[in-house]
Each structure stands twice: as C-alpha cells, then as structure tokens.
N, C-alpha and C. Protein backbone atom coordinates (compact mmCIF):
# COMPACT_ATOMS: atom_id res chain seq x y z
N MET A 1 109.85 80.47 109.74
CA MET A 1 109.65 81.47 110.79
C MET A 1 108.31 82.19 110.54
N THR A 2 107.50 82.27 111.57
CA THR A 2 106.20 82.92 111.43
C THR A 2 106.37 84.43 111.38
N GLN A 3 105.30 85.12 110.97
CA GLN A 3 105.34 86.57 110.93
C GLN A 3 105.53 87.15 112.33
N ASP A 4 104.88 86.56 113.33
CA ASP A 4 105.04 87.04 114.70
C ASP A 4 106.48 86.86 115.17
N GLU A 5 107.11 85.77 114.80
CA GLU A 5 108.52 85.55 115.17
C GLU A 5 109.41 86.59 114.49
N GLN A 6 109.09 86.93 113.25
CA GLN A 6 109.86 87.96 112.55
C GLN A 6 109.70 89.32 113.22
N LYS A 7 108.50 89.62 113.68
CA LYS A 7 108.28 90.88 114.37
C LYS A 7 109.11 90.96 115.64
N ARG A 8 109.13 89.86 116.40
CA ARG A 8 109.93 89.85 117.62
C ARG A 8 111.42 89.96 117.30
N GLN A 9 111.83 89.36 116.20
CA GLN A 9 113.23 89.42 115.79
C GLN A 9 113.62 90.85 115.42
N ALA A 10 112.75 91.54 114.68
CA ALA A 10 113.03 92.93 114.32
C ALA A 10 113.09 93.80 115.57
N ALA A 11 112.19 93.56 116.52
CA ALA A 11 112.18 94.34 117.77
C ALA A 11 113.46 94.11 118.55
N ALA A 12 113.93 92.87 118.61
CA ALA A 12 115.16 92.58 119.34
C ALA A 12 116.36 93.25 118.70
N ALA A 13 116.41 93.26 117.36
CA ALA A 13 117.53 93.89 116.67
C ALA A 13 117.54 95.40 116.89
N ALA A 14 116.37 96.01 116.86
CA ALA A 14 116.28 97.45 117.10
C ALA A 14 116.68 97.79 118.53
N LEU A 15 116.30 96.93 119.47
CA LEU A 15 116.66 97.17 120.87
C LEU A 15 118.17 97.12 121.05
N GLU A 16 118.83 96.20 120.39
CA GLU A 16 120.29 96.13 120.50
C GLU A 16 120.95 97.36 119.89
N ALA A 17 120.40 97.86 118.78
CA ALA A 17 120.94 99.08 118.17
C ALA A 17 120.71 100.29 119.06
N LEU A 18 119.60 100.25 119.77
CA LEU A 18 119.23 101.37 120.64
C LEU A 18 120.02 101.38 121.95
N ARG A 19 120.40 100.22 122.44
CA ARG A 19 120.98 100.09 123.78
C ARG A 19 122.11 101.09 124.06
N PRO A 20 123.08 101.26 123.15
CA PRO A 20 124.17 102.21 123.45
C PRO A 20 123.72 103.67 123.50
N LYS A 21 122.55 103.97 122.99
CA LYS A 21 122.07 105.36 122.95
C LYS A 21 121.29 105.74 124.20
N LEU A 22 121.01 104.78 125.06
CA LEU A 22 120.22 105.06 126.26
C LEU A 22 121.07 105.73 127.33
N GLY A 23 120.39 106.40 128.22
CA GLY A 23 121.09 107.08 129.31
C GLY A 23 120.20 108.15 129.91
N ARG A 24 120.75 108.85 130.88
CA ARG A 24 120.00 109.91 131.54
C ARG A 24 119.66 111.01 130.54
N GLY A 25 118.43 111.47 130.60
CA GLY A 25 117.99 112.53 129.69
C GLY A 25 117.39 112.02 128.39
N VAL A 26 117.45 110.73 128.16
CA VAL A 26 116.92 110.15 126.92
C VAL A 26 115.44 109.81 127.09
N VAL A 27 114.62 110.34 126.19
CA VAL A 27 113.19 110.00 126.12
C VAL A 27 112.92 109.45 124.73
N LEU A 28 112.23 108.33 124.67
CA LEU A 28 111.93 107.66 123.41
C LEU A 28 110.51 107.95 122.97
N GLY A 29 110.30 108.01 121.66
CA GLY A 29 108.96 108.02 121.11
C GLY A 29 108.59 106.60 120.72
N ILE A 30 107.39 106.20 121.06
CA ILE A 30 106.95 104.82 120.82
C ILE A 30 105.67 104.83 120.00
N GLY A 31 105.67 104.04 118.94
CA GLY A 31 104.53 104.00 118.04
C GLY A 31 103.44 103.04 118.50
N THR A 32 102.71 102.51 117.53
CA THR A 32 101.51 101.71 117.81
C THR A 32 101.44 100.53 116.87
N GLY A 33 100.97 99.40 117.38
CA GLY A 33 100.76 98.24 116.53
C GLY A 33 101.43 97.00 117.08
N SER A 34 101.24 95.89 116.37
CA SER A 34 101.71 94.60 116.88
C SER A 34 103.23 94.51 116.94
N THR A 35 103.93 95.06 115.94
CA THR A 35 105.38 95.03 115.98
C THR A 35 105.92 95.92 117.08
N THR A 36 105.32 97.09 117.25
CA THR A 36 105.73 97.98 118.33
C THR A 36 105.45 97.36 119.68
N ASN A 37 104.38 96.62 119.80
CA ASN A 37 104.11 95.92 121.06
C ASN A 37 105.24 94.96 121.42
N CYS A 38 105.77 94.27 120.41
CA CYS A 38 106.93 93.40 120.66
C CYS A 38 108.11 94.20 121.17
N PHE A 39 108.30 95.38 120.61
CA PHE A 39 109.41 96.23 121.04
C PHE A 39 109.20 96.71 122.48
N ILE A 40 107.98 97.15 122.80
CA ILE A 40 107.70 97.62 124.16
C ILE A 40 107.97 96.51 125.17
N ASP A 41 107.56 95.30 124.85
CA ASP A 41 107.77 94.18 125.77
C ASP A 41 109.26 93.92 125.98
N ALA A 42 110.05 94.03 124.91
CA ALA A 42 111.49 93.84 125.04
C ALA A 42 112.15 95.00 125.77
N LEU A 43 111.65 96.21 125.54
CA LEU A 43 112.21 97.41 126.15
C LEU A 43 112.06 97.41 127.67
N ALA A 44 111.09 96.69 128.18
CA ALA A 44 110.83 96.67 129.62
C ALA A 44 112.07 96.27 130.42
N ALA A 45 112.91 95.42 129.84
CA ALA A 45 114.12 94.98 130.55
C ALA A 45 115.12 96.11 130.76
N LEU A 46 114.97 97.21 130.01
CA LEU A 46 115.91 98.33 130.11
C LEU A 46 115.24 99.58 130.69
N LYS A 47 114.11 99.42 131.36
CA LYS A 47 113.32 100.58 131.77
C LYS A 47 114.05 101.51 132.72
N GLY A 48 115.06 101.07 133.42
CA GLY A 48 115.79 101.96 134.29
C GLY A 48 116.93 102.69 133.63
N HIS A 49 117.09 102.51 132.31
CA HIS A 49 118.25 103.05 131.59
C HIS A 49 117.91 104.29 130.76
N PHE A 50 116.68 104.81 130.87
CA PHE A 50 116.29 106.02 130.16
C PHE A 50 115.16 106.67 130.95
N ASP A 51 114.82 107.91 130.59
CA ASP A 51 113.90 108.68 131.42
C ASP A 51 112.43 108.33 131.22
N GLY A 52 112.07 107.85 130.05
CA GLY A 52 110.66 107.55 129.79
C GLY A 52 110.36 107.55 128.32
N ALA A 53 109.06 107.55 128.00
CA ALA A 53 108.64 107.45 126.61
C ALA A 53 107.40 108.30 126.37
N VAL A 54 107.28 108.77 125.14
CA VAL A 54 106.07 109.43 124.66
C VAL A 54 105.37 108.45 123.72
N ALA A 55 104.11 108.17 123.98
CA ALA A 55 103.37 107.17 123.20
C ALA A 55 102.50 107.83 122.14
N SER A 56 102.33 107.13 121.02
CA SER A 56 101.51 107.67 119.93
C SER A 56 100.05 107.25 120.02
N SER A 57 99.70 106.48 121.05
CA SER A 57 98.31 106.05 121.20
C SER A 57 98.03 105.72 122.65
N VAL A 58 96.76 105.69 122.98
CA VAL A 58 96.35 105.28 124.33
C VAL A 58 96.79 103.85 124.59
N ALA A 59 96.65 102.97 123.59
CA ALA A 59 97.01 101.56 123.78
C ALA A 59 98.49 101.41 124.09
N SER A 60 99.34 102.13 123.39
CA SER A 60 100.78 102.02 123.65
C SER A 60 101.13 102.63 125.01
N ALA A 61 100.48 103.74 125.36
CA ALA A 61 100.73 104.34 126.68
C ALA A 61 100.38 103.37 127.79
N GLU A 62 99.26 102.67 127.64
CA GLU A 62 98.85 101.71 128.66
C GLU A 62 99.82 100.54 128.74
N ARG A 63 100.32 100.10 127.61
CA ARG A 63 101.26 98.97 127.61
C ARG A 63 102.59 99.38 128.26
N LEU A 64 103.07 100.58 127.94
CA LEU A 64 104.29 101.08 128.57
C LEU A 64 104.12 101.18 130.08
N ALA A 65 103.00 101.72 130.50
CA ALA A 65 102.75 101.90 131.94
C ALA A 65 102.69 100.56 132.66
N ARG A 66 102.10 99.56 132.02
CA ARG A 66 102.04 98.23 132.65
C ARG A 66 103.43 97.65 132.89
N HIS A 67 104.37 98.05 132.04
CA HIS A 67 105.75 97.58 132.21
C HIS A 67 106.56 98.49 133.16
N GLY A 68 105.93 99.51 133.70
CA GLY A 68 106.63 100.39 134.61
C GLY A 68 107.50 101.42 133.93
N ILE A 69 107.27 101.68 132.67
CA ILE A 69 108.02 102.70 131.93
C ILE A 69 107.27 104.02 132.04
N PRO A 70 107.91 105.08 132.53
CA PRO A 70 107.21 106.37 132.66
C PRO A 70 106.72 106.88 131.31
N VAL A 71 105.47 107.30 131.26
CA VAL A 71 104.88 107.85 130.04
C VAL A 71 104.79 109.36 130.18
N LEU A 72 105.40 110.08 129.23
CA LEU A 72 105.48 111.53 129.26
C LEU A 72 104.71 112.13 128.10
N THR A 73 104.46 113.42 128.17
CA THR A 73 103.91 114.17 127.04
C THR A 73 105.05 114.83 126.28
N LEU A 74 104.76 115.31 125.08
CA LEU A 74 105.78 116.03 124.32
C LEU A 74 106.16 117.34 125.00
N LYS A 75 105.24 117.92 125.74
CA LYS A 75 105.57 119.14 126.49
C LYS A 75 106.58 118.83 127.58
N GLU A 76 106.44 117.69 128.21
CA GLU A 76 107.37 117.30 129.27
C GLU A 76 108.71 116.81 128.73
N SER A 77 108.68 116.19 127.57
CA SER A 77 109.88 115.51 127.08
C SER A 77 110.84 116.42 126.32
N GLY A 78 110.32 117.43 125.63
CA GLY A 78 111.16 118.16 124.68
C GLY A 78 111.47 117.29 123.48
N ARG A 79 112.57 117.59 122.82
CA ARG A 79 112.97 116.84 121.63
C ARG A 79 113.27 115.40 122.01
N LEU A 80 112.75 114.45 121.22
CA LEU A 80 112.96 113.03 121.49
C LEU A 80 114.25 112.54 120.84
N SER A 81 114.91 111.63 121.52
CA SER A 81 116.14 111.07 120.96
C SER A 81 115.84 110.15 119.78
N LEU A 82 114.78 109.36 119.91
CA LEU A 82 114.52 108.32 118.93
C LEU A 82 113.04 107.98 118.92
N TYR A 83 112.52 107.68 117.74
CA TYR A 83 111.15 107.19 117.60
C TYR A 83 111.20 105.78 117.03
N ILE A 84 110.44 104.87 117.60
CA ILE A 84 110.42 103.47 117.16
C ILE A 84 108.99 103.09 116.83
N ASP A 85 108.79 102.53 115.62
CA ASP A 85 107.43 102.18 115.20
C ASP A 85 107.51 101.15 114.08
N GLY A 86 106.39 100.57 113.74
CA GLY A 86 106.27 99.69 112.60
C GLY A 86 105.71 100.42 111.40
N ALA A 87 105.35 99.68 110.37
CA ALA A 87 104.75 100.27 109.17
C ALA A 87 103.94 99.20 108.45
N ASP A 88 103.00 99.65 107.64
CA ASP A 88 102.20 98.75 106.82
C ASP A 88 102.86 98.49 105.47
N GLU A 89 103.65 99.44 104.99
CA GLU A 89 104.47 99.27 103.78
C GLU A 89 105.69 100.17 103.89
N ALA A 90 106.78 99.74 103.24
CA ALA A 90 107.99 100.54 103.17
C ALA A 90 108.59 100.38 101.78
N ASP A 91 109.01 101.50 101.18
CA ASP A 91 109.63 101.43 99.85
C ASP A 91 111.15 101.49 99.98
N PRO A 92 111.91 101.35 98.88
CA PRO A 92 113.37 101.33 98.97
C PRO A 92 113.98 102.62 99.51
N ASN A 93 113.25 103.73 99.44
CA ASN A 93 113.75 105.00 99.96
C ASN A 93 113.30 105.26 101.40
N LEU A 94 112.68 104.24 102.01
CA LEU A 94 112.23 104.28 103.40
C LEU A 94 111.05 105.22 103.61
N ALA A 95 110.33 105.55 102.53
CA ALA A 95 109.01 106.16 102.68
C ALA A 95 108.03 105.05 103.08
N LEU A 96 107.02 105.42 103.84
CA LEU A 96 106.15 104.44 104.47
C LEU A 96 104.68 104.75 104.25
N ILE A 97 103.85 103.71 104.37
CA ILE A 97 102.42 103.87 104.65
C ILE A 97 102.18 103.35 106.05
N LYS A 98 101.51 104.15 106.85
CA LYS A 98 101.18 103.79 108.22
C LYS A 98 99.72 104.15 108.49
N GLY A 99 99.16 103.58 109.54
CA GLY A 99 97.79 103.91 109.90
C GLY A 99 96.84 102.73 109.94
N GLY A 100 97.38 101.51 109.70
CA GLY A 100 96.52 100.35 109.81
C GLY A 100 95.94 100.18 111.21
N GLY A 101 96.67 100.70 112.20
CA GLY A 101 96.20 100.67 113.58
C GLY A 101 95.48 101.92 114.01
N ALA A 102 95.19 102.82 113.06
CA ALA A 102 94.38 104.02 113.28
C ALA A 102 95.06 105.08 114.15
N ALA A 103 96.40 105.04 114.23
CA ALA A 103 97.11 106.03 115.06
C ALA A 103 97.99 106.96 114.24
N LEU A 104 97.72 107.10 112.94
CA LEU A 104 98.63 107.77 112.03
C LEU A 104 98.95 109.21 112.41
N THR A 105 97.96 109.97 112.86
CA THR A 105 98.20 111.38 113.16
C THR A 105 99.14 111.53 114.34
N ARG A 106 98.86 110.84 115.42
CA ARG A 106 99.74 110.91 116.59
C ARG A 106 101.10 110.31 116.29
N GLU A 107 101.15 109.27 115.46
CA GLU A 107 102.43 108.71 115.06
C GLU A 107 103.26 109.74 114.30
N LYS A 108 102.61 110.47 113.41
CA LYS A 108 103.35 111.46 112.63
C LYS A 108 103.84 112.61 113.50
N ILE A 109 103.04 112.99 114.49
CA ILE A 109 103.44 114.05 115.41
C ILE A 109 104.66 113.61 116.22
N VAL A 110 104.60 112.41 116.78
CA VAL A 110 105.71 111.95 117.62
C VAL A 110 106.95 111.68 116.78
N ALA A 111 106.78 111.11 115.60
CA ALA A 111 107.93 110.89 114.71
C ALA A 111 108.60 112.21 114.34
N GLY A 112 107.78 113.24 114.11
CA GLY A 112 108.33 114.54 113.75
C GLY A 112 109.07 115.22 114.86
N ALA A 113 108.84 114.79 116.10
CA ALA A 113 109.52 115.37 117.26
C ALA A 113 110.80 114.63 117.61
N ALA A 114 111.17 113.62 116.82
CA ALA A 114 112.32 112.78 117.14
C ALA A 114 113.49 113.06 116.20
N GLU A 115 114.69 112.93 116.75
CA GLU A 115 115.89 113.11 115.95
C GLU A 115 116.08 111.97 114.97
N THR A 116 115.74 110.75 115.36
CA THR A 116 115.96 109.56 114.55
C THR A 116 114.72 108.68 114.61
N PHE A 117 114.39 108.04 113.49
CA PHE A 117 113.22 107.18 113.38
C PHE A 117 113.68 105.78 112.97
N TYR A 118 113.51 104.82 113.88
CA TYR A 118 113.71 103.41 113.58
C TYR A 118 112.36 102.80 113.22
N CYS A 119 112.27 102.17 112.06
CA CYS A 119 111.04 101.49 111.65
C CYS A 119 111.29 99.99 111.59
N LEU A 120 110.39 99.21 112.18
CA LEU A 120 110.55 97.77 112.30
C LEU A 120 109.48 97.07 111.47
N VAL A 121 109.90 96.20 110.54
CA VAL A 121 108.94 95.50 109.68
C VAL A 121 109.40 94.08 109.45
N ASP A 122 108.46 93.23 109.05
CA ASP A 122 108.85 91.94 108.49
C ASP A 122 108.92 92.11 106.97
N GLU A 123 109.58 91.20 106.30
CA GLU A 123 109.91 91.39 104.89
C GLU A 123 108.67 91.50 103.99
N SER A 124 107.51 91.04 104.45
CA SER A 124 106.30 91.15 103.63
C SER A 124 105.86 92.59 103.44
N LYS A 125 106.36 93.51 104.28
CA LYS A 125 105.95 94.91 104.21
C LYS A 125 106.78 95.72 103.20
N CYS A 126 107.84 95.12 102.65
CA CYS A 126 108.73 95.85 101.75
C CYS A 126 108.24 95.74 100.31
N VAL A 127 108.06 96.90 99.66
CA VAL A 127 107.54 96.96 98.30
C VAL A 127 108.41 97.91 97.47
N GLU A 128 108.35 97.76 96.17
CA GLU A 128 109.10 98.68 95.30
C GLU A 128 108.41 100.03 95.21
N VAL A 129 107.06 100.02 95.13
CA VAL A 129 106.28 101.25 95.08
C VAL A 129 105.13 101.12 96.07
N LEU A 130 104.94 102.14 96.89
CA LEU A 130 103.86 102.12 97.87
C LEU A 130 102.49 102.07 97.18
N GLY A 131 101.52 101.50 97.88
CA GLY A 131 100.16 101.59 97.39
C GLY A 131 99.38 100.30 97.34
N THR A 132 100.02 99.16 97.55
CA THR A 132 99.26 97.91 97.65
C THR A 132 98.38 97.94 98.90
N PHE A 133 98.95 98.40 100.01
CA PHE A 133 98.18 98.60 101.23
C PHE A 133 97.37 99.89 101.07
N PRO A 134 96.08 99.89 101.41
CA PRO A 134 95.29 101.12 101.24
C PRO A 134 95.80 102.25 102.13
N LEU A 135 95.77 103.45 101.60
CA LEU A 135 96.26 104.62 102.33
C LEU A 135 95.21 105.09 103.33
N PRO A 136 95.51 105.09 104.64
CA PRO A 136 94.57 105.62 105.62
C PRO A 136 94.57 107.15 105.60
N LEU A 137 93.41 107.70 105.86
CA LEU A 137 93.25 109.15 105.90
C LEU A 137 92.31 109.50 107.06
N GLU A 138 92.82 110.24 108.03
CA GLU A 138 92.00 110.70 109.14
C GLU A 138 91.41 112.05 108.76
N TYR A 139 90.11 112.24 109.05
CA TYR A 139 89.44 113.43 108.55
C TYR A 139 88.31 113.85 109.50
N ILE A 140 87.85 115.10 109.31
CA ILE A 140 86.69 115.61 110.03
C ILE A 140 85.45 115.17 109.26
N GLU A 141 84.48 114.62 109.96
CA GLU A 141 83.38 113.91 109.31
C GLU A 141 82.60 114.78 108.32
N LEU A 142 82.44 116.05 108.59
CA LEU A 142 81.72 116.94 107.68
C LEU A 142 82.30 116.92 106.28
N ALA A 143 83.59 116.67 106.17
CA ALA A 143 84.28 116.74 104.88
C ALA A 143 84.28 115.43 104.11
N GLU A 144 83.57 114.41 104.60
CA GLU A 144 83.71 113.08 103.98
C GLU A 144 83.36 113.09 102.49
N ALA A 145 82.22 113.61 102.11
CA ALA A 145 81.81 113.54 100.70
C ALA A 145 82.77 114.29 99.78
N PRO A 146 83.15 115.56 100.09
CA PRO A 146 84.11 116.22 99.22
C PRO A 146 85.46 115.51 99.14
N LEU A 147 85.89 114.92 100.25
CA LEU A 147 87.17 114.22 100.23
C LEU A 147 87.09 112.97 99.37
N VAL A 148 86.00 112.24 99.44
CA VAL A 148 85.84 111.06 98.60
C VAL A 148 85.88 111.45 97.13
N ARG A 149 85.22 112.56 96.78
CA ARG A 149 85.23 113.02 95.38
C ARG A 149 86.63 113.45 94.96
N ALA A 150 87.36 114.14 95.83
CA ALA A 150 88.71 114.59 95.49
C ALA A 150 89.64 113.39 95.30
N LEU A 151 89.48 112.38 96.12
CA LEU A 151 90.31 111.18 95.97
C LEU A 151 89.96 110.43 94.70
N GLU A 152 88.68 110.40 94.35
CA GLU A 152 88.27 109.77 93.09
C GLU A 152 88.87 110.49 91.90
N ALA A 153 88.99 111.80 91.99
CA ALA A 153 89.59 112.58 90.90
C ALA A 153 91.07 112.23 90.70
N LEU A 154 91.70 111.72 91.75
CA LEU A 154 93.10 111.27 91.64
C LEU A 154 93.19 109.80 91.26
N GLY A 155 92.06 109.16 91.04
CA GLY A 155 92.07 107.75 90.68
C GLY A 155 91.89 106.80 91.85
N GLY A 156 91.60 107.34 93.04
CA GLY A 156 91.47 106.51 94.22
C GLY A 156 90.03 106.10 94.50
N GLN A 157 89.89 105.02 95.25
CA GLN A 157 88.58 104.58 95.73
C GLN A 157 88.64 104.57 97.25
N ALA A 158 87.84 105.43 97.87
CA ALA A 158 87.89 105.64 99.31
C ALA A 158 86.68 105.00 99.99
N VAL A 159 86.95 104.25 101.05
CA VAL A 159 85.90 103.60 101.82
C VAL A 159 86.12 103.92 103.29
N ARG A 160 85.05 104.33 103.96
CA ARG A 160 85.17 104.60 105.39
C ARG A 160 85.43 103.30 106.14
N ARG A 161 86.39 103.34 107.07
CA ARG A 161 86.70 102.16 107.88
C ARG A 161 85.58 101.96 108.89
N PRO A 162 84.88 100.86 108.82
CA PRO A 162 83.68 100.70 109.65
C PRO A 162 84.01 100.53 111.13
N GLY A 163 83.24 101.22 111.96
CA GLY A 163 83.32 101.03 113.40
C GLY A 163 84.58 101.54 114.06
N VAL A 164 85.32 102.42 113.38
CA VAL A 164 86.61 102.87 113.90
C VAL A 164 86.62 104.39 114.03
N LEU A 165 87.02 104.86 115.20
CA LEU A 165 87.38 106.26 115.41
C LEU A 165 88.78 106.29 116.00
N THR A 166 89.55 107.28 115.63
CA THR A 166 90.91 107.41 116.16
C THR A 166 90.87 107.86 117.61
N ASP A 167 92.02 107.86 118.27
CA ASP A 167 92.11 108.41 119.63
C ASP A 167 91.76 109.89 119.66
N ASN A 168 91.78 110.54 118.50
CA ASN A 168 91.38 111.95 118.40
C ASN A 168 89.87 112.11 118.17
N GLY A 169 89.16 110.99 118.02
CA GLY A 169 87.72 111.04 117.83
C GLY A 169 87.28 111.21 116.39
N HIS A 170 88.16 110.95 115.43
CA HIS A 170 87.83 111.15 114.02
C HIS A 170 87.70 109.83 113.28
N PRO A 171 86.91 109.82 112.19
CA PRO A 171 86.82 108.62 111.34
C PRO A 171 88.01 108.52 110.40
N LEU A 172 88.09 107.36 109.73
CA LEU A 172 89.16 107.11 108.77
C LEU A 172 88.58 106.67 107.43
N LEU A 173 89.22 107.10 106.36
CA LEU A 173 89.01 106.54 105.04
C LEU A 173 90.20 105.65 104.71
N ASP A 174 89.95 104.53 104.04
CA ASP A 174 91.01 103.70 103.47
C ASP A 174 90.91 103.84 101.96
N VAL A 175 92.03 104.22 101.33
CA VAL A 175 92.01 104.62 99.93
C VAL A 175 92.89 103.68 99.10
N ARG A 176 92.29 103.07 98.11
CA ARG A 176 93.02 102.21 97.17
C ARG A 176 93.12 102.89 95.81
N GLY A 177 94.13 102.48 95.05
CA GLY A 177 94.21 102.90 93.66
C GLY A 177 94.97 104.17 93.37
N LEU A 178 95.54 104.82 94.39
CA LEU A 178 96.29 106.04 94.15
C LEU A 178 97.68 105.73 93.60
N ALA A 179 98.15 106.52 92.65
CA ALA A 179 99.51 106.39 92.15
C ALA A 179 100.46 107.02 93.16
N MET A 180 101.47 106.27 93.59
CA MET A 180 102.37 106.74 94.64
C MET A 180 103.83 106.72 94.19
N THR A 181 104.06 107.05 92.93
CA THR A 181 105.43 107.12 92.45
C THR A 181 106.17 108.33 93.03
N ASP A 182 105.43 109.34 93.48
CA ASP A 182 106.01 110.50 94.16
C ASP A 182 105.28 110.68 95.48
N PRO A 183 105.63 109.89 96.50
CA PRO A 183 104.85 109.93 97.74
C PRO A 183 104.95 111.25 98.48
N GLU A 184 106.07 111.96 98.36
CA GLU A 184 106.17 113.26 99.03
C GLU A 184 105.16 114.24 98.47
N ALA A 185 105.05 114.31 97.14
CA ALA A 185 104.11 115.25 96.51
C ALA A 185 102.67 114.88 96.87
N LEU A 186 102.37 113.58 96.88
CA LEU A 186 101.02 113.15 97.20
C LEU A 186 100.69 113.47 98.66
N GLU A 187 101.62 113.23 99.55
CA GLU A 187 101.39 113.55 100.97
C GLU A 187 101.08 115.03 101.14
N LYS A 188 101.86 115.89 100.50
CA LYS A 188 101.64 117.33 100.59
C LYS A 188 100.27 117.72 100.04
N GLU A 189 99.93 117.18 98.87
CA GLU A 189 98.67 117.57 98.23
C GLU A 189 97.47 117.21 99.09
N ILE A 190 97.42 115.96 99.54
CA ILE A 190 96.25 115.53 100.30
C ILE A 190 96.13 116.29 101.62
N ASN A 191 97.24 116.56 102.26
CA ASN A 191 97.19 117.24 103.56
C ASN A 191 96.70 118.68 103.45
N GLN A 192 96.67 119.25 102.24
CA GLN A 192 96.17 120.62 102.07
C GLN A 192 94.66 120.69 101.95
N TRP A 193 94.01 119.57 101.72
CA TRP A 193 92.57 119.60 101.47
C TRP A 193 91.81 119.90 102.76
N PRO A 194 90.80 120.77 102.69
CA PRO A 194 90.01 121.09 103.89
C PRO A 194 89.35 119.83 104.47
N GLY A 195 89.48 119.67 105.76
CA GLY A 195 88.88 118.54 106.44
C GLY A 195 89.82 117.38 106.69
N VAL A 196 90.98 117.37 106.01
CA VAL A 196 91.96 116.31 106.25
C VAL A 196 92.70 116.62 107.55
N VAL A 197 92.71 115.66 108.44
CA VAL A 197 93.53 115.78 109.65
C VAL A 197 94.95 115.33 109.35
N CYS A 198 95.07 114.17 108.71
CA CYS A 198 96.39 113.62 108.39
C CYS A 198 96.20 112.44 107.44
N ASN A 199 97.17 112.23 106.56
CA ASN A 199 97.15 111.00 105.77
C ASN A 199 98.33 110.13 106.17
N GLY A 200 98.24 108.84 105.82
CA GLY A 200 99.19 107.86 106.32
C GLY A 200 100.47 107.72 105.54
N LEU A 201 100.75 108.63 104.62
CA LEU A 201 102.05 108.63 103.95
C LEU A 201 103.10 109.26 104.88
N PHE A 202 104.17 108.54 105.11
CA PHE A 202 105.32 109.06 105.85
C PHE A 202 106.47 109.17 104.87
N ALA A 203 106.39 110.18 104.02
CA ALA A 203 107.42 110.43 103.02
C ALA A 203 108.21 111.69 103.35
N LEU A 204 107.53 112.71 103.88
CA LEU A 204 108.23 113.91 104.32
C LEU A 204 109.05 113.61 105.58
N ARG A 205 108.50 112.79 106.48
CA ARG A 205 109.25 112.29 107.63
C ARG A 205 109.31 110.77 107.50
N ARG A 206 110.24 110.32 106.67
CA ARG A 206 110.39 108.89 106.45
C ARG A 206 111.31 108.29 107.50
N ALA A 207 111.45 106.99 107.50
CA ALA A 207 112.33 106.33 108.46
C ALA A 207 113.79 106.66 108.16
N ASP A 208 114.61 106.68 109.20
CA ASP A 208 116.05 106.83 109.03
C ASP A 208 116.74 105.48 108.92
N GLN A 209 116.22 104.48 109.65
CA GLN A 209 116.71 103.11 109.53
C GLN A 209 115.52 102.16 109.54
N LEU A 210 115.57 101.18 108.64
CA LEU A 210 114.51 100.20 108.51
C LEU A 210 115.07 98.83 108.90
N PHE A 211 114.51 98.24 109.94
CA PHE A 211 114.91 96.92 110.41
C PHE A 211 113.95 95.91 109.79
N VAL A 212 114.48 95.08 108.88
CA VAL A 212 113.65 94.16 108.11
C VAL A 212 113.95 92.73 108.55
N ALA A 213 112.96 92.06 109.11
CA ALA A 213 113.13 90.69 109.57
C ALA A 213 112.63 89.73 108.49
N GLY A 214 113.46 88.73 108.19
CA GLY A 214 113.08 87.72 107.22
C GLY A 214 113.58 86.36 107.68
N ALA A 215 113.46 85.37 106.79
CA ALA A 215 113.83 84.00 107.14
C ALA A 215 115.31 83.86 107.49
N SER A 216 116.13 84.73 106.92
CA SER A 216 117.58 84.64 107.16
C SER A 216 118.07 85.59 108.23
N GLY A 217 117.16 86.27 108.94
CA GLY A 217 117.57 87.19 109.99
C GLY A 217 117.10 88.61 109.71
N VAL A 218 117.74 89.56 110.38
CA VAL A 218 117.36 90.97 110.26
C VAL A 218 118.42 91.74 109.49
N THR A 219 117.97 92.47 108.48
CA THR A 219 118.85 93.40 107.78
C THR A 219 118.43 94.82 108.10
N VAL A 220 119.40 95.73 108.09
CA VAL A 220 119.12 97.13 108.42
C VAL A 220 119.41 97.97 107.17
N ARG A 221 118.40 98.72 106.76
CA ARG A 221 118.54 99.59 105.59
C ARG A 221 118.54 101.03 106.07
N ALA A 222 119.52 101.79 105.61
CA ALA A 222 119.63 103.19 106.00
C ALA A 222 118.98 104.08 104.95
N ARG A 223 118.49 105.20 105.40
CA ARG A 223 117.86 106.17 104.50
C ARG A 223 118.88 106.64 103.46
N PRO A 224 118.51 106.60 102.18
CA PRO A 224 119.46 107.03 101.12
C PRO A 224 119.86 108.49 101.29
C-alpha cells in the first residue's frame, strides 16, 4: 500500500467515526496538508449533513468551497465540534509536530477552538520521541537573528525555509536537534520568546484520537 493510499484510508476511517456526530449546528475545523485534502474530498459526500467548516489555511478554504462546503470564520462558528488535521510526527502520548505545510499558527488556533481533535497519519509519522522531523517556527522577521541564537543555546540548528511565507505573511525557521523529551515544556518556553508567532509543537493541545493507517489497516489511538 502506498503512502497516498494510507492517507486516503486514514481519511475514510475518520469520516466514518465522524459521521454519527454530524447534524444541524455542527461546524468542523479543517486543517491543512495532503492527508487533510483526502479528508476534505471524502467529506464532500456529506456536505448537507453539517453547517460548514472553519479552515486553517487559504488552500483548505478554497478546496472546501470547491466542494460546496460553506466556509465560516471562528467568529461566525463559535465553538467547533471537531477539528480534523494531519501531522508530521506523532508520539505515543499524541503530542505532535505540525507545520510542514506552513499553516501551524492557524492550525493551532482552530484546534484550540475545537472540543475534539482527530489527527490522521500514516504509520511512518509515528515516533517514540518527537524531533526527527524539524520543528517549524513562525516568527516576525526582525527577530530572526536573536531567535536563531536562542535555539542554538538549546542545542538546535535553525534554518530559514527558503521562499516560504505563511498565510499570515511571516517567514518560518525549521529547527533540528532540539531535545523533545518534554514537548509541553519546550512548547511553552519557545512561545515566550519575543518575535515568535507560534511553534509547531502541539503538546499543550495534542490530538484526542490518532488515526494511524498502515499495511494492515487503520488503528485508532486515544489520548492517554
């Protein structure tokens, strides 16, 4: 089974878990990336069974709209019933690294507005300790040099992602080499630094259920 097939399989499993929760008054939060795109495409078949969706990126909003799914703002939606997204890495406690698609800040905002977070991954994304995938960090450009030095002091090596600005108009650093045995503490520390908009650790708002697609099918892991 290819990785793309696994992504579609995870999306289909999440959709089946979601189906009984749909109804009038339900607004979904929708993330960004290739796995989420599979979910949006599958969700189109149920577009009349819920009120709409809040998207974490312009790309996801456009894809939802093409399928005829109403796209709302958080001001219009209120509290979201469910947030659905992928991840670049997931640990056994369902803490995540996200931001490979450069939408980490909006993803964290929309995830934080949802009662439940479904995360969809293929089995290659599951790790014992986060950190093989570089940690994305969205920042205000003036702060780049001090942030690089602060990350180096923690043992990290930060490189600006070339040619990329987020939907918020900010650059990204990709950081390798950070120790992530306590991802909650690291997320808190980095987010306090002046100039940081958001970092890609989702440990304070981790997934509630992780849908993992592999060669033998999809398994669902619940938050400990």
